[in-house]
Amino acid sequence: MHTTHIDMENVLNNLPHNLKSVFLNYYASLKSSEPKTNIIYCFDIDLKRNLLGFIFFSETITHNIKFFDDKQQNIFVNFERTALYSFDHNIKRYAHIFWIAFTKNSIISVKNNNKSIKIICNNNVHYTIHTEYLTKIFNAPLRKKITHKLFAFIAQLSFIKNKYENTWIFSDRPDKADDNAEHLYRWVRANIPSQKIFFVIDKNSKDWQRLKKDNFNLINLYSLEYAFAFMHCNWLISSHSFGALNKTGWRMLYADIVNHQFCFLQHGIIKDYMPQIARRNIDLFVTSTVREHESLAKSESYAYCLSEKEVVLTGLPRHDILLKKTESILKEKIIFIMPTWRQYLTDENITFTAQSTEQSFKDSLFYKNWFNILTDKMFLNLLTEYGYSIYFKIHPCFQSYLSDFEFTNCSQINMVFDNQNDTQSIQDILVRSSLLITDYSSIAMDFALLKKPVIYFQFDQEEFFEHHSCKKGYFDYKKDGFGEVATVYSELNALLESYLKNDCQLKEKYKKRIESFFCFFDQNNCQRVYDSIIEFSKPINNKN
């Protein structure tokens, strides 16, 4: 079985706040002589769905944990997930996560191999635990400063509370929309007009005016209004998870007021192992394929603290629109080139090298390979011969290096920017393009959904998976990819020429892969996501 080694520091960095103290407590217990099979941790309470979260560690993948009520009746486990964690080089343990439904005055005990075990909650030890006590523990605000208390008082004034109560807040990136949140917002506005909704974005972004003209109910991300909306909304729905939106720490400061659920729409399909994706508390996690869903919610091989309690299989909202656009936008002779970023080449990681930041970037394999392709005479002559042009988009994380990718003498290359002046929709470019060249970007998933060919140019496989923010996951590019993998320029050029000669037709074997990989081509992803939000808003009944 594939396992991923992570040291203790990385384990903690990739956990939501409510699990960090649990893992630290267990790690400390490993160094004591006390048996570890007589402890289970209660780490969370979900008051919207009436669920209690427990975690138990063991040396084996199997366990015999059972939950009981005050009448010693067995309590049904609604959701369960097991994942393997490496606490040290020589210490690996399986973490078993359980979610059980509770009633208002439930009294719960736990047994392992028919023997009662200790329940640790908030560093206190219990043999039975009362849900009323847990509600107070997990719902107790931590605010002490007078400014926090004053803000809490103001936020609860009736005219503020009434404006934002029961609302849904949507957001994509702080400075950009046109992702899953915008497309789901549009669907809800058109199909569920009774639901009060807002869209949050930086007022200075280029998309603010575009959305305003389209009568979006906008809130400036960096405003007091958003702070109030955050406090009272029912759902926070976003394709990205970032501090300004999620307001790190506010759930603890204002735990008695903030009670919204967070729906993570994602901005792509996860194919690699990315433990950092679950750092924040996520109530609803949208996935698009069976294999993606299983890696996040079920597989013991990947250390995600998620389960089917959070993870649903619906498809991405933006894919509905992407497929719809193919009905009205014709394919053109465009090759879209869109490589992903490299964490180890961002400003914060190369600022303190001996060379300047810009020179360090120019010395990288990333820059040399992509720049050499786009300036190569053989490559450009190939485009001319078959009448194709290039659209090249660099990742937003590399925006500071845009000046290094200037091709002023080449009319065949069109740069796609993430700035105030560029109004091109990535979806429109995808639909218009005949072929995609990328490296590891999940944009290949969007392009493949349209059943058009992809070429992967992976000149730095070892470096990428060793130093980037993700590791190899379930997806094998050669076995599962939607096109050929080239590792050197000569291979890429030969593959490109063969596709251009055949009018960029998708090969049958890749068509079969696409059709077996994706679950949904029906343009009903928004409906499925909406249905999941409604379902996840309801309490779960105990199945005893």
Foldseek 3Di string as FASTA:
>chain_A
DAADADEQVVVLLLAAPLCNVVVVVLLVCVPDPDDQQQEKEFRDAQPLAQKTKIKGKDADQDWAKWKAWPVRDTFDFPWKAWAWYHHHPPDIIIIIMTITHDDQWTKMAMDTPNHTGWYAYPNDTDRIDTVPVVCCVLLPAPDDDPVLVVLLVVLPDPVLQVVQAAAEEEEEDQQDDLFLRVLLVVVCVVPVVVHHYAYEHACPHLCNVVVVVVVGRYDHLPDPSLVSNQQHYAEYEYQDDDCSNPVPPVCRNRSNGGNHAYAHLHRFADQFQFSNVNHHDHQAYEHWWPVSQCLAAYDRRHPHPHHVRHYDHQHGSSLLVLLVVLVPAAADQEEEEEEADFPCLFCVNPPPDPDHSLVVNCPDPVNVQVLCLVPPPLNLVLCVVLVHAYEYEYDPSCLVNVVVNDDPPDPRYHYQYRHNVHPDNPSSVLSHYQEYEYAPDSVQLSNCLVVFYYEHAHQDVPVRQVRGSTHGHPDDCVVQNLYYYHNDPVVVSVVVSVCSVVSRHRDPVSNVSSVNGGDDPDSCSSVVVVVVVVVSSHHDDTPD
